[in-house]
Amino acid sequence: MATVQHIQSPKDVPSGHKHVLVVLGQKDEIERQGENFTMTVNSNLSKNLFEAHLDTAIGDAKALADRERIDTVFVCKGRA
C-alpha cells in the first residue's frame, strides 16, 4: 500500500521518484506525466466540503498508486 507524505511545495518531490502528487487548484483533474500522476483537487468549496473532498482525493490517489505500483503519494496543500 502506498504511503502518504505531506509536502510544502511540488518542488519538494524527489527527482526520479515515481509518485502520485495531489495538489490544490481550480478544478478536479488527473494528469499523467510519464510514470507519475498529478491529481488536482478543486479548492473552491466550503471548508467542510473541501476537507471531505480532499480526503476522498487522497484515498483515490492511494488506490491509483497501488494499481500503478507506485510507493508514494505526495500531498501538497499549496497551489499548483
N, C-alpha and C. Protein backbone atom coordinates (compact mmCIF):
# COMPACT_ATOMS: atom_id res chain seq x y z
N MET A 1 0.84 -1.18 0.00
CA MET A 1 0.00 0.00 0.00
C MET A 1 0.88 1.24 0.00
N ALA A 2 0.50 2.23 -0.78
CA ALA A 2 1.26 3.47 -0.90
C ALA A 2 1.23 4.25 0.41
N THR A 3 2.34 4.91 0.70
CA THR A 3 2.41 5.79 1.87
C THR A 3 2.12 7.22 1.42
N VAL A 4 1.60 8.02 2.34
CA VAL A 4 1.27 9.41 2.06
C VAL A 4 2.26 10.30 2.80
N GLN A 5 2.85 11.23 2.06
CA GLN A 5 3.77 12.21 2.65
C GLN A 5 3.25 13.61 2.32
N HIS A 6 3.18 14.46 3.34
CA HIS A 6 2.73 15.84 3.14
C HIS A 6 3.96 16.71 2.88
N ILE A 7 3.86 17.55 1.85
CA ILE A 7 4.96 18.42 1.46
C ILE A 7 4.46 19.85 1.36
N GLN A 8 5.40 20.81 1.35
CA GLN A 8 5.04 22.22 1.27
C GLN A 8 4.86 22.70 -0.16
N SER A 9 5.61 22.11 -1.09
CA SER A 9 5.61 22.57 -2.47
C SER A 9 5.82 21.37 -3.40
N PRO A 10 5.25 21.43 -4.60
CA PRO A 10 5.51 20.35 -5.56
C PRO A 10 7.01 20.17 -5.85
N LYS A 11 7.80 21.22 -5.64
CA LYS A 11 9.25 21.14 -5.85
C LYS A 11 9.92 20.23 -4.82
N ASP A 12 9.21 19.88 -3.73
CA ASP A 12 9.76 19.02 -2.69
C ASP A 12 9.72 17.53 -3.05
N VAL A 13 9.10 17.18 -4.18
CA VAL A 13 9.07 15.78 -4.62
C VAL A 13 10.48 15.42 -5.11
N PRO A 14 11.08 14.36 -4.59
CA PRO A 14 12.42 13.97 -5.03
C PRO A 14 12.44 13.64 -6.52
N SER A 15 13.45 14.13 -7.21
CA SER A 15 13.55 13.84 -8.64
C SER A 15 13.83 12.35 -8.85
N GLY A 16 13.27 11.83 -9.93
CA GLY A 16 13.46 10.43 -10.25
C GLY A 16 12.65 9.49 -9.39
N HIS A 17 11.73 10.03 -8.58
CA HIS A 17 10.91 9.22 -7.67
C HIS A 17 9.53 9.04 -8.30
N LYS A 18 9.14 7.81 -8.61
CA LYS A 18 7.82 7.50 -9.17
C LYS A 18 6.77 7.84 -8.11
N HIS A 19 5.76 8.65 -8.46
CA HIS A 19 4.84 9.15 -7.44
C HIS A 19 3.48 9.56 -8.02
N VAL A 20 2.55 9.78 -7.08
CA VAL A 20 1.30 10.47 -7.36
C VAL A 20 1.34 11.73 -6.51
N LEU A 21 1.13 12.88 -7.14
CA LEU A 21 1.15 14.16 -6.44
C LEU A 21 -0.26 14.71 -6.40
N VAL A 22 -0.73 15.08 -5.20
CA VAL A 22 -2.05 15.69 -5.03
C VAL A 22 -1.82 17.16 -4.70
N VAL A 23 -2.40 18.05 -5.54
CA VAL A 23 -2.25 19.49 -5.34
C VAL A 23 -3.62 20.17 -5.39
N LEU A 24 -3.68 21.40 -4.89
CA LEU A 24 -4.91 22.18 -4.93
C LEU A 24 -4.96 23.01 -6.20
N GLY A 25 -6.16 23.22 -6.71
CA GLY A 25 -6.32 24.02 -7.92
C GLY A 25 -7.74 24.51 -8.07
N GLN A 26 -8.06 24.93 -9.28
CA GLN A 26 -9.37 25.50 -9.59
C GLN A 26 -10.40 24.46 -10.03
N LYS A 27 -9.92 23.26 -10.39
CA LYS A 27 -10.84 22.21 -10.85
C LYS A 27 -10.24 20.85 -10.53
N ASP A 28 -11.05 19.82 -10.63
CA ASP A 28 -10.59 18.45 -10.41
C ASP A 28 -10.08 17.88 -11.73
N GLU A 29 -8.87 17.32 -11.68
CA GLU A 29 -8.34 16.66 -12.87
C GLU A 29 -7.20 15.73 -12.49
N ILE A 30 -6.92 14.80 -13.37
CA ILE A 30 -5.78 13.89 -13.22
C ILE A 30 -4.96 14.00 -14.49
N GLU A 31 -3.66 14.18 -14.31
CA GLU A 31 -2.75 14.29 -15.45
C GLU A 31 -1.62 13.29 -15.27
N ARG A 32 -1.30 12.59 -16.33
CA ARG A 32 -0.19 11.63 -16.29
C ARG A 32 1.03 12.26 -16.95
N GLN A 33 2.18 12.13 -16.27
CA GLN A 33 3.45 12.61 -16.82
C GLN A 33 4.43 11.44 -16.75
N GLY A 34 4.52 10.69 -17.82
CA GLY A 34 5.38 9.51 -17.81
C GLY A 34 4.85 8.48 -16.83
N GLU A 35 5.65 8.12 -15.84
CA GLU A 35 5.23 7.15 -14.83
C GLU A 35 4.55 7.81 -13.64
N ASN A 36 4.48 9.15 -13.62
CA ASN A 36 3.93 9.89 -12.49
C ASN A 36 2.55 10.45 -12.82
N PHE A 37 1.81 10.78 -11.77
CA PHE A 37 0.48 11.36 -11.91
C PHE A 37 0.38 12.60 -11.03
N THR A 38 -0.38 13.58 -11.50
CA THR A 38 -0.73 14.73 -10.68
C THR A 38 -2.25 14.78 -10.61
N MET A 39 -2.78 14.78 -9.39
CA MET A 39 -4.21 14.91 -9.17
C MET A 39 -4.45 16.31 -8.62
N THR A 40 -5.23 17.11 -9.34
CA THR A 40 -5.58 18.45 -8.88
C THR A 40 -6.95 18.38 -8.24
N VAL A 41 -7.06 18.99 -7.06
CA VAL A 41 -8.31 18.97 -6.29
C VAL A 41 -8.88 20.39 -6.23
N ASN A 42 -10.14 20.52 -6.60
CA ASN A 42 -10.81 21.82 -6.56
C ASN A 42 -10.87 22.33 -5.12
N SER A 43 -10.25 23.48 -4.89
CA SER A 43 -10.24 24.03 -3.53
C SER A 43 -11.29 25.13 -3.35
N ASN A 44 -12.10 25.38 -4.37
CA ASN A 44 -13.13 26.42 -4.31
C ASN A 44 -14.44 25.88 -3.75
N LEU A 45 -14.36 25.23 -2.61
CA LEU A 45 -15.53 24.65 -1.96
C LEU A 45 -15.60 25.16 -0.53
N SER A 46 -16.75 25.01 0.11
CA SER A 46 -16.84 25.37 1.52
C SER A 46 -15.85 24.50 2.31
N LYS A 47 -15.44 24.98 3.47
CA LYS A 47 -14.39 24.30 4.24
C LYS A 47 -14.71 22.83 4.50
N ASN A 48 -15.91 22.53 5.00
CA ASN A 48 -16.26 21.15 5.32
C ASN A 48 -16.31 20.27 4.07
N LEU A 49 -16.88 20.79 3.01
CA LEU A 49 -16.97 20.03 1.77
C LEU A 49 -15.57 19.82 1.18
N PHE A 50 -14.73 20.86 1.24
CA PHE A 50 -13.37 20.74 0.72
C PHE A 50 -12.58 19.68 1.48
N GLU A 51 -12.66 19.68 2.81
CA GLU A 51 -11.92 18.69 3.60
C GLU A 51 -12.35 17.26 3.25
N ALA A 52 -13.64 17.04 3.09
CA ALA A 52 -14.13 15.72 2.71
C ALA A 52 -13.67 15.37 1.29
N HIS A 53 -13.70 16.34 0.40
CA HIS A 53 -13.29 16.14 -0.99
C HIS A 53 -11.79 15.80 -1.05
N LEU A 54 -10.98 16.50 -0.26
CA LEU A 54 -9.54 16.24 -0.24
C LEU A 54 -9.26 14.84 0.31
N ASP A 55 -9.95 14.45 1.36
CA ASP A 55 -9.77 13.10 1.92
C ASP A 55 -10.11 12.03 0.88
N THR A 56 -11.18 12.26 0.14
CA THR A 56 -11.56 11.32 -0.92
C THR A 56 -10.50 11.28 -2.02
N ALA A 57 -9.98 12.44 -2.40
CA ALA A 57 -8.96 12.51 -3.44
C ALA A 57 -7.69 11.78 -3.00
N ILE A 58 -7.31 11.92 -1.74
CA ILE A 58 -6.12 11.22 -1.23
C ILE A 58 -6.35 9.71 -1.28
N GLY A 59 -7.54 9.27 -0.90
CA GLY A 59 -7.88 7.84 -0.99
C GLY A 59 -7.82 7.35 -2.43
N ASP A 60 -8.33 8.16 -3.36
CA ASP A 60 -8.27 7.80 -4.78
C ASP A 60 -6.82 7.76 -5.26
N ALA A 61 -6.00 8.68 -4.80
CA ALA A 61 -4.58 8.71 -5.17
C ALA A 61 -3.86 7.47 -4.67
N LYS A 62 -4.19 7.03 -3.46
CA LYS A 62 -3.58 5.81 -2.92
C LYS A 62 -3.99 4.60 -3.75
N ALA A 63 -5.26 4.53 -4.14
CA ALA A 63 -5.73 3.41 -4.96
C ALA A 63 -5.04 3.42 -6.32
N LEU A 64 -4.90 4.59 -6.93
CA LEU A 64 -4.20 4.72 -8.20
C LEU A 64 -2.74 4.29 -8.05
N ALA A 65 -2.10 4.73 -6.98
CA ALA A 65 -0.70 4.37 -6.73
C ALA A 65 -0.56 2.85 -6.59
N ASP A 66 -1.45 2.24 -5.86
CA ASP A 66 -1.38 0.78 -5.70
C ASP A 66 -1.55 0.07 -7.05
N ARG A 67 -2.49 0.53 -7.85
CA ARG A 67 -2.75 -0.09 -9.15
C ARG A 67 -1.55 0.07 -10.08
N GLU A 68 -0.86 1.22 -10.00
CA GLU A 68 0.27 1.51 -10.87
C GLU A 68 1.61 1.10 -10.25
N ARG A 69 1.56 0.44 -9.09
CA ARG A 69 2.77 0.01 -8.37
C ARG A 69 3.69 1.19 -8.03
N ILE A 70 3.07 2.23 -7.48
CA ILE A 70 3.78 3.42 -7.03
C ILE A 70 3.76 3.40 -5.51
N ASP A 71 4.92 3.67 -4.89
CA ASP A 71 5.04 3.56 -3.43
C ASP A 71 4.60 4.79 -2.66
N THR A 72 4.62 5.98 -3.28
CA THR A 72 4.40 7.20 -2.51
C THR A 72 3.38 8.13 -3.16
N VAL A 73 2.52 8.66 -2.30
CA VAL A 73 1.59 9.73 -2.67
C VAL A 73 2.06 10.97 -1.92
N PHE A 74 2.36 12.05 -2.65
CA PHE A 74 2.72 13.31 -2.03
C PHE A 74 1.52 14.22 -2.06
N VAL A 75 1.21 14.85 -0.91
CA VAL A 75 0.08 15.77 -0.81
C VAL A 75 0.63 17.15 -0.51
N CYS A 76 0.32 18.09 -1.38
CA CYS A 76 0.78 19.47 -1.24
C CYS A 76 -0.44 20.35 -1.08
N LYS A 77 -0.56 21.03 0.05
CA LYS A 77 -1.72 21.90 0.26
C LYS A 77 -1.51 23.30 -0.30
N GLY A 78 -0.35 23.52 -0.94
CA GLY A 78 -0.12 24.78 -1.66
C GLY A 78 -0.68 24.64 -3.05
N ARG A 79 -0.91 25.74 -3.71
CA ARG A 79 -1.47 25.72 -5.06
C ARG A 79 -0.45 25.23 -6.07
N ALA A 80 -0.94 24.56 -7.09
CA ALA A 80 -0.06 24.03 -8.16
C ALA A 80 0.47 25.19 -8.99
